[in-house]
PDB file of N, CA and C in Angstrom:
ATOM      1  N   TYR A   1       0.826  -1.186   0.000  1.00  0.00           N
ATOM      2  CA  TYR A   1       0.000   0.000   0.000  1.00  0.00           C
ATOM      3  C   TYR A   1       0.868   1.246   0.000  1.00  0.00           C
ATOM      4  N   GLY A   2       1.573   1.455  -1.075  1.00  0.00           N
ATOM      5  CA  GLY A   2       2.419   2.622  -1.185  1.00  0.00           C
ATOM      6  C   GLY A   2       3.861   2.365  -0.823  1.00  0.00           C
ATOM      7  N   ASP A   3       4.202   1.119  -0.481  1.00  0.00           N
ATOM      8  CA  ASP A   3       5.599   0.826  -0.148  1.00  0.00           C
ATOM      9  C   ASP A   3       6.490   0.954  -1.377  1.00  0.00           C
ATOM     10  N   ILE A   4       5.970   0.565  -2.529  1.00  0.00           N
ATOM     11  CA  ILE A   4       6.736   0.646  -3.767  1.00  0.00           C
ATOM     12  C   ILE A   4       6.086   1.711  -4.637  1.00  0.00           C
ATOM     13  N   SER A   5       6.802   2.760  -4.920  1.00  0.00           N
ATOM     14  CA  SER A   5       6.277   3.840  -5.755  1.00  0.00           C
ATOM     15  C   SER A   5       7.425   4.465  -6.532  1.00  0.00           C
ATOM     16  N   PRO A   6       7.097   5.147  -7.637  1.00  0.00           N
ATOM     17  CA  PRO A   6       8.162   5.805  -8.405  1.00  0.00           C
ATOM     18  C   PRO A   6       8.869   6.847  -7.547  1.00  0.00           C
ATOM     19  N   SER A   7      10.191   6.798  -7.575  1.00  0.00           N
ATOM     20  CA  SER A   7      10.934   7.675  -6.670  1.00  0.00           C
ATOM     21  C   SER A   7      11.488   8.927  -7.332  1.00  0.00           C
ATOM     22  N   ASN A   8      11.653   8.913  -8.656  1.00  0.00           N
ATOM     23  CA  ASN A   8      12.162  10.132  -9.296  1.00  0.00           C
ATOM     24  C   ASN A   8      11.215  10.555 -10.418  1.00  0.00           C
ATOM     25  N   THR A   9      11.467  11.698 -10.980  1.00  0.00           N
ATOM     26  CA  THR A   9      10.572  12.280 -11.981  1.00  0.00           C
ATOM     27  C   THR A   9      10.453  11.413 -13.218  1.00  0.00           C
ATOM     28  N   GLY A  10      11.545  10.858 -13.688  1.00  0.00           N
ATOM     29  CA  GLY A  10      11.511  10.008 -14.876  1.00  0.00           C
ATOM     30  C   GLY A  10      10.625   8.783 -14.685  1.00  0.00           C
ATOM     31  N   MET A  11      10.718   8.166 -13.517  1.00  0.00           N
ATOM     32  CA  MET A  11       9.895   6.997 -13.237  1.00  0.00           C
ATOM     33  C   MET A  11       8.419   7.380 -13.112  1.00  0.00           C
ATOM     34  N   ARG A  12       8.148   8.530 -12.564  1.00  0.00           N
ATOM     35  CA  ARG A  12       6.758   8.988 -12.436  1.00  0.00           C
ATOM     36  C   ARG A  12       6.142   9.261 -13.807  1.00  0.00           C
ATOM     37  N   VAL A  13       6.917   9.892 -14.685  1.00  0.00           N
ATOM     38  CA  VAL A  13       6.434  10.156 -16.049  1.00  0.00           C
ATOM     39  C   VAL A  13       6.192   8.840 -16.772  1.00  0.00           C
ATOM     40  N   PHE A  14       7.102   7.897 -16.643  1.00  0.00           N
ATOM     41  CA  PHE A  14       6.944   6.587 -17.266  1.00  0.00           C
ATOM     42  C   PHE A  14       5.693   5.886 -16.739  1.00  0.00           C
ATOM     43  N   THR A  15       5.461   5.961 -15.442  1.00  0.00           N
ATOM     44  CA  THR A  15       4.279   5.335 -14.845  1.00  0.00           C
ATOM     45  C   THR A  15       3.008   5.969 -15.378  1.00  0.00           C
ATOM     46  N   LEU A  16       2.953   7.278 -15.468  1.00  0.00           N
ATOM     47  CA  LEU A  16       1.773   7.954 -16.022  1.00  0.00           C
ATOM     48  C   LEU A  16       1.562   7.572 -17.480  1.00  0.00           C
ATOM     49  N   PHE A  17       2.652   7.493 -18.244  1.00  0.00           N
ATOM     50  CA  PHE A  17       2.556   7.088 -19.640  1.00  0.00           C
ATOM     51  C   PHE A  17       1.970   5.680 -19.744  1.00  0.00           C
ATOM     52  N   MET A  18       2.424   4.749 -18.911  1.00  0.00           N
ATOM     53  CA  MET A  18       1.915   3.375 -18.961  1.00  0.00           C
ATOM     54  C   MET A  18       0.445   3.309 -18.541  1.00  0.00           C
ATOM     55  N   ILE A  19       0.027   4.124 -17.590  1.00  0.00           N
ATOM     56  CA  ILE A  19      -1.377   4.165 -17.185  1.00  0.00           C
ATOM     57  C   ILE A  19      -2.238   4.643 -18.349  1.00  0.00           C
ATOM     58  N   PHE A  20      -1.844   5.732 -18.976  1.00  0.00           N
ATOM     59  CA  PHE A  20      -2.615   6.246 -20.115  1.00  0.00           C
ATOM     60  C   PHE A  20      -2.582   5.268 -21.287  1.00  0.00           C
ATOM     61  N   TRP A  21      -1.456   4.629 -21.524  1.00  0.00           N
ATOM     62  CA  TRP A  21      -1.338   3.633 -22.585  1.00  0.00           C
ATOM     63  C   TRP A  21      -2.354   2.507 -22.349  1.00  0.00           C
ATOM     64  N   GLY A  22      -2.441   2.056 -21.119  1.00  0.00           N
ATOM     65  CA  GLY A  22      -3.373   0.981 -20.796  1.00  0.00           C
ATOM     66  C   GLY A  22      -4.815   1.400 -20.957  1.00  0.00           C
ATOM     67  N   ILE A  23      -5.147   2.587 -20.512  1.00  0.00           N
ATOM     68  CA  ILE A  23      -6.523   3.056 -20.590  1.00  0.00           C
ATOM     69  C   ILE A  23      -6.928   3.325 -22.038  1.00  0.00           C
ATOM     70  N   ILE A  24      -6.059   3.972 -22.794  1.00  0.00           N
ATOM     71  CA  ILE A  24      -6.426   4.408 -24.144  1.00  0.00           C
ATOM     72  C   ILE A  24      -6.320   3.279 -25.169  1.00  0.00           C
ATOM     73  N   LEU A  25      -5.319   2.437 -25.073  1.00  0.00           N
ATOM     74  CA  LEU A  25      -5.094   1.438 -26.123  1.00  0.00           C
ATOM     75  C   LEU A  25      -5.439   0.002 -25.718  1.00  0.00           C
ATOM     76  N   ILE A  26      -5.142  -0.383 -24.510  1.00  0.00           N
ATOM     77  CA  ILE A  26      -5.307  -1.784 -24.127  1.00  0.00           C
ATOM     78  C   ILE A  26      -6.754  -2.116 -23.759  1.00  0.00           C
ATOM     79  N   PHE A  27      -7.427  -1.287 -22.970  1.00  0.00           N
ATOM     80  CA  PHE A  27      -8.811  -1.586 -22.576  1.00  0.00           C
ATOM     81  C   PHE A  27      -9.747  -1.722 -23.769  1.00  0.00           C
ATOM     82  N   PRO A  28      -9.706  -0.836 -24.766  1.00  0.00           N
ATOM     83  CA  PRO A  28     -10.589  -1.035 -25.923  1.00  0.00           C
ATOM     84  C   PRO A  28     -10.297  -2.335 -26.667  1.00  0.00           C
ATOM     85  N   SER A  29      -9.048  -2.749 -26.727  1.00  0.00           N
ATOM     86  CA  SER A  29      -8.710  -4.010 -27.384  1.00  0.00           C
ATOM     87  C   SER A  29      -9.301  -5.193 -26.628  1.00  0.00           C
ATOM     88  N   ILE A  30      -9.207  -5.157 -25.322  1.00  0.00           N
ATOM     89  CA  ILE A  30      -9.787  -6.224 -24.503  1.00  0.00           C
ATOM     90  C   ILE A  30     -11.306  -6.236 -24.653  1.00  0.00           C
ATOM     91  N   ALA A  31     -11.929  -5.058 -24.643  1.00  0.00           N
ATOM     92  CA  ALA A  31     -13.379  -4.976 -24.805  1.00  0.00           C
ATOM     93  C   ALA A  31     -13.819  -5.518 -26.161  1.00  0.00           C
ATOM     94  N   ALA A  32     -13.069  -5.212 -27.210  1.00  0.00           N
ATOM     95  CA  ALA A  32     -13.410  -5.718 -28.542  1.00  0.00           C
ATOM     96  C   ALA A  32     -13.261  -7.234 -28.604  1.00  0.00           C
ATOM     97  N   ALA A  33     -12.311  -7.785 -27.884  1.00  0.00           N
ATOM     98  CA  ALA A  33     -12.113  -9.235 -27.887  1.00  0.00           C
ATOM     99  C   ALA A  33     -13.185  -9.965 -27.080  1.00  0.00           C
ATOM    100  N   VAL A  34     -13.714  -9.324 -26.049  1.00  0.00           N
ATOM    101  CA  VAL A  34     -14.690  -9.961 -25.162  1.00  0.00           C
ATOM    102  C   VAL A  34     -16.127  -9.778 -25.654  1.00  0.00           C
ATOM    103  N   THR A  35     -16.389  -8.752 -26.426  1.00  0.00           N
ATOM    104  CA  THR A  35     -17.752  -8.432 -26.867  1.00  0.00           C
ATOM    105  C   THR A  35     -18.461  -9.578 -27.579  1.00  0.00           C
ATOM    106  N   PRO A  36     -17.820 -10.337 -28.474  1.00  0.00           N
ATOM    107  CA  PRO A  36     -18.548 -11.443 -29.120  1.00  0.00           C
ATOM    108  C   PRO A  36     -19.078 -12.481 -28.134  1.00  0.00           C
ATOM    109  N   PHE A  37     -18.448 -12.609 -26.979  1.00  0.00           N
ATOM    110  CA  PHE A  37     -18.887 -13.586 -25.987  1.00  0.00           C
ATOM    111  C   PHE A  37     -19.941 -13.017 -25.048  1.00  0.00           C
ATOM    112  N   THR A  38     -19.844 -11.731 -24.744  1.00  0.00           N
ATOM    113  CA  THR A  38     -20.786 -11.126 -23.812  1.00  0.00           C
ATOM    114  C   THR A  38     -22.016 -10.557 -24.506  1.00  0.00           C
ATOM    115  N   GLY A  39     -21.928 -10.296 -25.808  1.00  0.00           N
ATOM    116  CA  GLY A  39     -23.052  -9.710 -26.545  1.00  0.00           C
ATOM    117  C   GLY A  39     -24.329 -10.534 -26.483  1.00  0.00           C
ATOM    118  N   PRO A  40     -24.267 -11.853 -26.769  1.00  0.00           N
ATOM    119  CA  PRO A  40     -25.491 -12.652 -26.698  1.00  0.00           C
ATOM    120  C   PRO A  40     -26.102 -12.695 -25.300  1.00  0.00           C
ATOM    121  N   VAL A  41     -25.265 -12.737 -24.283  1.00  0.00           N
ATOM    122  CA  VAL A  41     -25.777 -12.742 -22.905  1.00  0.00           C
ATOM    123  C   VAL A  41     -26.471 -11.427 -22.608  1.00  0.00           C
ATOM    124  N   GLN A  42     -25.862 -10.323 -23.017  1.00  0.00           N
ATOM    125  CA  GLN A  42     -26.465  -9.014 -22.801  1.00  0.00           C
ATOM    126  C   GLN A  42     -27.800  -8.908 -23.523  1.00  0.00           C
ATOM    127  N   ARG A  43     -27.874  -9.403 -24.745  1.00  0.00           N
ATOM    128  CA  ARG A  43     -29.121  -9.348 -25.518  1.00  0.00           C
ATOM    129  C   ARG A  43     -30.220 -10.155 -24.847  1.00  0.00           C
ATOM    130  N   LYS A  44     -29.883 -11.336 -24.313  1.00  0.00           N
ATOM    131  CA  LYS A  44     -30.874 -12.155 -23.613  1.00  0.00           C
ATOM    132  C   LYS A  44     -31.378 -11.456 -22.352  1.00  0.00           C
ATOM    133  N   LEU A  45     -30.471 -10.801 -21.634  1.00  0.00           N
ATOM    134  CA  LEU A  45     -30.890 -10.065 -20.440  1.00  0.00           C
ATOM    135  C   LEU A  45     -31.786  -8.881 -20.806  1.00  0.00           C
ATOM    136  N   GLN A  46     -31.473  -8.205 -21.900  1.00  0.00           N
ATOM    137  CA  GLN A  46     -32.329  -7.099 -22.342  1.00  0.00           C
ATOM    138  C   GLN A  46     -33.707  -7.607 -22.749  1.00  0.00           C
ATOM    139  N   ASP A  47     -33.757  -8.732 -23.451  1.00  0.00           N
ATOM    140  CA  ASP A  47     -35.045  -9.316 -23.828  1.00  0.00           C
ATOM    141  C   ASP A  47     -35.847  -9.731 -22.603  1.00  0.00           C
ATOM    142  N   TRP A  48     -35.157 -10.287 -21.606  1.00  0.00           N
ATOM    143  CA  TRP A  48     -35.836 -10.683 -20.375  1.00  0.00           C
ATOM    144  C   TRP A  48     -36.407  -9.468 -19.648  1.00  0.00           C
ATOM    145  N   LEU A  49     -35.629  -8.372 -19.588  1.00  0.00           N
ATOM    146  CA  LEU A  49     -36.132  -7.148 -18.969  1.00  0.00           C
ATOM    147  C   LEU A  49     -37.339  -6.606 -19.727  1.00  0.00           C
ATOM    148  N   GLU A  50     -37.292  -6.669 -21.047  1.00  0.00           N
ATOM    149  CA  GLU A  50     -38.421  -6.207 -21.855  1.00  0.00           C
ATOM    150  C   GLU A  50     -39.662  -7.054 -21.583  1.00  0.00           C
ATOM    151  N   PHE A  51     -39.477  -8.355 -21.396  1.00  0.00           N
ATOM    152  CA  PHE A  51     -40.598  -9.248 -21.102  1.00  0.00           C
ATOM    153  C   PHE A  51     -41.157  -8.977 -19.710  1.00  0.00           C
ATOM    154  N   GLN A  52     -40.273  -8.790 -18.725  1.00  0.00           N
ATOM    155  CA  GLN A  52     -40.708  -8.573 -17.346  1.00  0.00           C
ATOM    156  C   GLN A  52     -41.330  -7.194 -17.132  1.00  0.00           C
ATOM    157  N   PHE A  53     -40.803  -6.208 -17.811  1.00  0.00           N
ATOM    158  CA  PHE A  53     -41.264  -4.828 -17.647  1.00  0.00           C
ATOM    159  C   PHE A  53     -41.584  -4.232 -19.015  1.00  0.00           C
ATOM    160  N   PRO A  54     -42.687  -4.630 -19.618  1.00  0.00           N
ATOM    161  CA  PRO A  54     -42.999  -4.119 -20.962  1.00  0.00           C
ATOM    162  C   PRO A  54     -43.240  -2.609 -20.944  1.00  0.00           C
ATOM    163  N   ALA A  55     -42.902  -1.990 -22.062  1.00  0.00           N
ATOM    164  CA  ALA A  55     -43.064  -0.541 -22.171  1.00  0.00           C
ATOM    165  C   ALA A  55     -44.545  -0.196 -22.306  1.00  0.00           C
ATOM    166  N   GLU A  56     -44.930   0.874 -21.663  1.00  0.00           N
ATOM    167  CA  GLU A  56     -46.294   1.378 -21.797  1.00  0.00           C
ATOM    168  C   GLU A  56     -46.291   2.414 -22.916  1.00  0.00           C
ATOM    169  N   LYS A  57     -47.150   2.202 -23.891  1.00  0.00           N
ATOM    170  CA  LYS A  57     -47.200   3.099 -25.041  1.00  0.00           C
ATOM    171  C   LYS A  57     -48.485   3.908 -24.989  1.00  0.00           C
ATOM    172  N   LEU A  58     -48.394   5.157 -25.410  1.00  0.00           N
ATOM    173  CA  LEU A  58     -49.536   6.060 -25.359  1.00  0.00           C
ATOM    174  C   LEU A  58     -49.886   6.572 -26.753  1.00  0.00           C
ATOM    175  N   ASP A  59     -51.173   6.754 -26.944  1.00  0.00           N
ATOM    176  CA  ASP A  59     -51.682   7.358 -28.168  1.00  0.00           C
ATOM    177  C   ASP A  59     -51.953   8.825 -27.871  1.00  0.00           C
ATOM    178  N   LEU A  60     -51.058   9.689 -28.282  1.00  0.00           N
ATOM    179  CA  LEU A  60     -51.168  11.110 -27.946  1.00  0.00           C
ATOM    180  C   LEU A  60     -52.145  11.859 -28.850  1.00  0.00           C
ATOM    181  N   GLU A  61     -52.246  11.452 -30.101  1.00  0.00           N
ATOM    182  CA  GLU A  61     -53.075  12.174 -31.057  1.00  0.00           C
ATOM    183  C   GLU A  61     -54.502  11.641 -31.139  1.00  0.00           C
ATOM    184  N   GLY A  62     -54.751  10.479 -30.545  1.00  0.00           N
ATOM    185  CA  GLY A  62     -56.089   9.908 -30.571  1.00  0.00           C
ATOM    186  C   GLY A  62     -56.452   9.263 -31.893  1.00  0.00           C
ATOM    187  N   ASP A  63     -55.456   8.919 -32.715  1.00  0.00           N
ATOM    188  CA  ASP A  63     -55.741   8.325 -34.020  1.00  0.00           C
ATOM    189  C   ASP A  63     -55.581   6.811 -34.029  1.00  0.00           C
ATOM    190  N   GLY A  64     -55.292   6.202 -32.888  1.00  0.00           N
ATOM    191  CA  GLY A  64     -55.168   4.755 -32.801  1.00  0.00           C
ATOM    192  C   GLY A  64     -53.762   4.236 -32.897  1.00  0.00           C
ATOM    193  N   SER A  65     -52.810   5.057 -33.277  1.00  0.00           N
ATOM    194  CA  SER A  65     -51.417   4.615 -33.322  1.00  0.00           C
ATOM    195  C   SER A  65     -50.676   5.136 -32.091  1.00  0.00           C
ATOM    196  N   GLU A  66     -49.781   4.326 -31.585  1.00  0.00           N
ATOM    197  CA  GLU A  66     -49.043   4.691 -30.371  1.00  0.00           C
ATOM    198  C   GLU A  66     -47.781   5.448 -30.757  1.00  0.00           C
ATOM    199  N   GLU A  67     -47.703   6.716 -30.359  1.00  0.00           N
ATOM    200  CA  GLU A  67     -46.566   7.563 -30.738  1.00  0.00           C
ATOM    201  C   GLU A  67     -45.517   7.704 -29.635  1.00  0.00           C
ATOM    202  N   TYR A  68     -45.870   7.448 -28.393  1.00  0.00           N
ATOM    203  CA  TYR A  68     -44.973   7.754 -27.281  1.00  0.00           C
ATOM    204  C   TYR A  68     -44.811   6.523 -26.404  1.00  0.00           C
ATOM    205  N   GLU A  69     -43.568   6.242 -26.038  1.00  0.00           N
ATOM    206  CA  GLU A  69     -43.274   5.143 -25.118  1.00  0.00           C
ATOM    207  C   GLU A  69     -42.856   5.747 -23.782  1.00  0.00           C
ATOM    208  N   VAL A  70     -43.609   5.440 -22.732  1.00  0.00           N
ATOM    209  CA  VAL A  70     -43.355   5.994 -21.409  1.00  0.00           C
ATOM    210  C   VAL A  70     -42.055   5.397 -20.862  1.00  0.00           C
ATOM    211  N   PRO A  71     -41.129   6.226 -20.394  1.00  0.00           N
ATOM    212  CA  PRO A  71     -39.884   5.694 -19.822  1.00  0.00           C
ATOM    213  C   PRO A  71     -40.167   4.822 -18.602  1.00  0.00           C
ATOM    214  N   ARG A  72     -39.409   3.766 -18.476  1.00  0.00           N
ATOM    215  CA  ARG A  72     -39.567   2.847 -17.348  1.00  0.00           C
ATOM    216  C   ARG A  72     -38.858   3.400 -16.127  1.00  0.00           C
ATOM    217  N   ALA A  73     -38.894   2.618 -15.053  1.00  0.00           N
ATOM    218  CA  ALA A  73     -38.159   2.971 -13.829  1.00  0.00           C
ATOM    219  C   ALA A  73     -36.666   3.081 -14.182  1.00  0.00           C
ATOM    220  N   PRO A  74     -35.922   3.945 -13.517  1.00  0.00           N
ATOM    221  CA  PRO A  74     -34.500   4.156 -13.870  1.00  0.00           C
ATOM    222  C   PRO A  74     -33.674   2.874 -13.885  1.00  0.00           C
ATOM    223  N   LEU A  75     -33.905   1.988 -12.940  1.00  0.00           N
ATOM    224  CA  LEU A  75     -33.119   0.750 -12.891  1.00  0.00           C
ATOM    225  C   LEU A  75     -33.317  -0.067 -14.156  1.00  0.00           C
ATOM    226  N   VAL A  76     -34.535  -0.189 -14.614  1.00  0.00           N
ATOM    227  CA  VAL A  76     -34.821  -0.950 -15.839  1.00  0.00           C
ATOM    228  C   VAL A  76     -34.382  -0.175 -17.070  1.00  0.00           C
ATOM    229  N   TYR A  77     -34.614   1.115 -17.074  1.00  0.00           N
ATOM    230  CA  TYR A  77     -34.283   1.947 -18.247  1.00  0.00           C
ATOM    231  C   TYR A  77     -32.784   1.934 -18.541  1.00  0.00           C
ATOM    232  N   TYR A  78     -31.967   2.101 -17.520  1.00  0.00           N
ATOM    233  CA  TYR A  78     -30.538   2.213 -17.756  1.00  0.00           C
ATOM    234  C   TYR A  78     -29.869   0.857 -17.970  1.00  0.00           C
ATOM    235  N   PHE A  79     -30.444  -0.225 -17.444  1.00  0.00           N
ATOM    236  CA  PHE A  79     -29.887  -1.555 -17.715  1.00  0.00           C
ATOM    237  C   PHE A  79     -30.240  -2.021 -19.111  1.00  0.00           C
ATOM    238  N   LYS A  80     -31.288  -1.462 -19.692  1.00  0.00           N
ATOM    239  CA  LYS A  80     -31.683  -1.854 -21.032  1.00  0.00           C
ATOM    240  C   LYS A  80     -30.867  -1.087 -22.013  1.00  0.00           C
TER     241      LYS A  80
END
């Protein structure tokens, strides 16, 4: 917990560079590699949420067609 840390300016700059390198270049590569495996699971969970909490649609103009979908509860809305 802080016992090992960069001790001079050059090491600190190198450490910051490696942190940014990891965030900017490595994480997106890992996400792109994992997405084909997690995508179907995410889609099934979204379909399940849609089944459990169907959207309420409103006819605003009174012509029989539903123009507006009422937003769901925040927990369901943001997970979908």
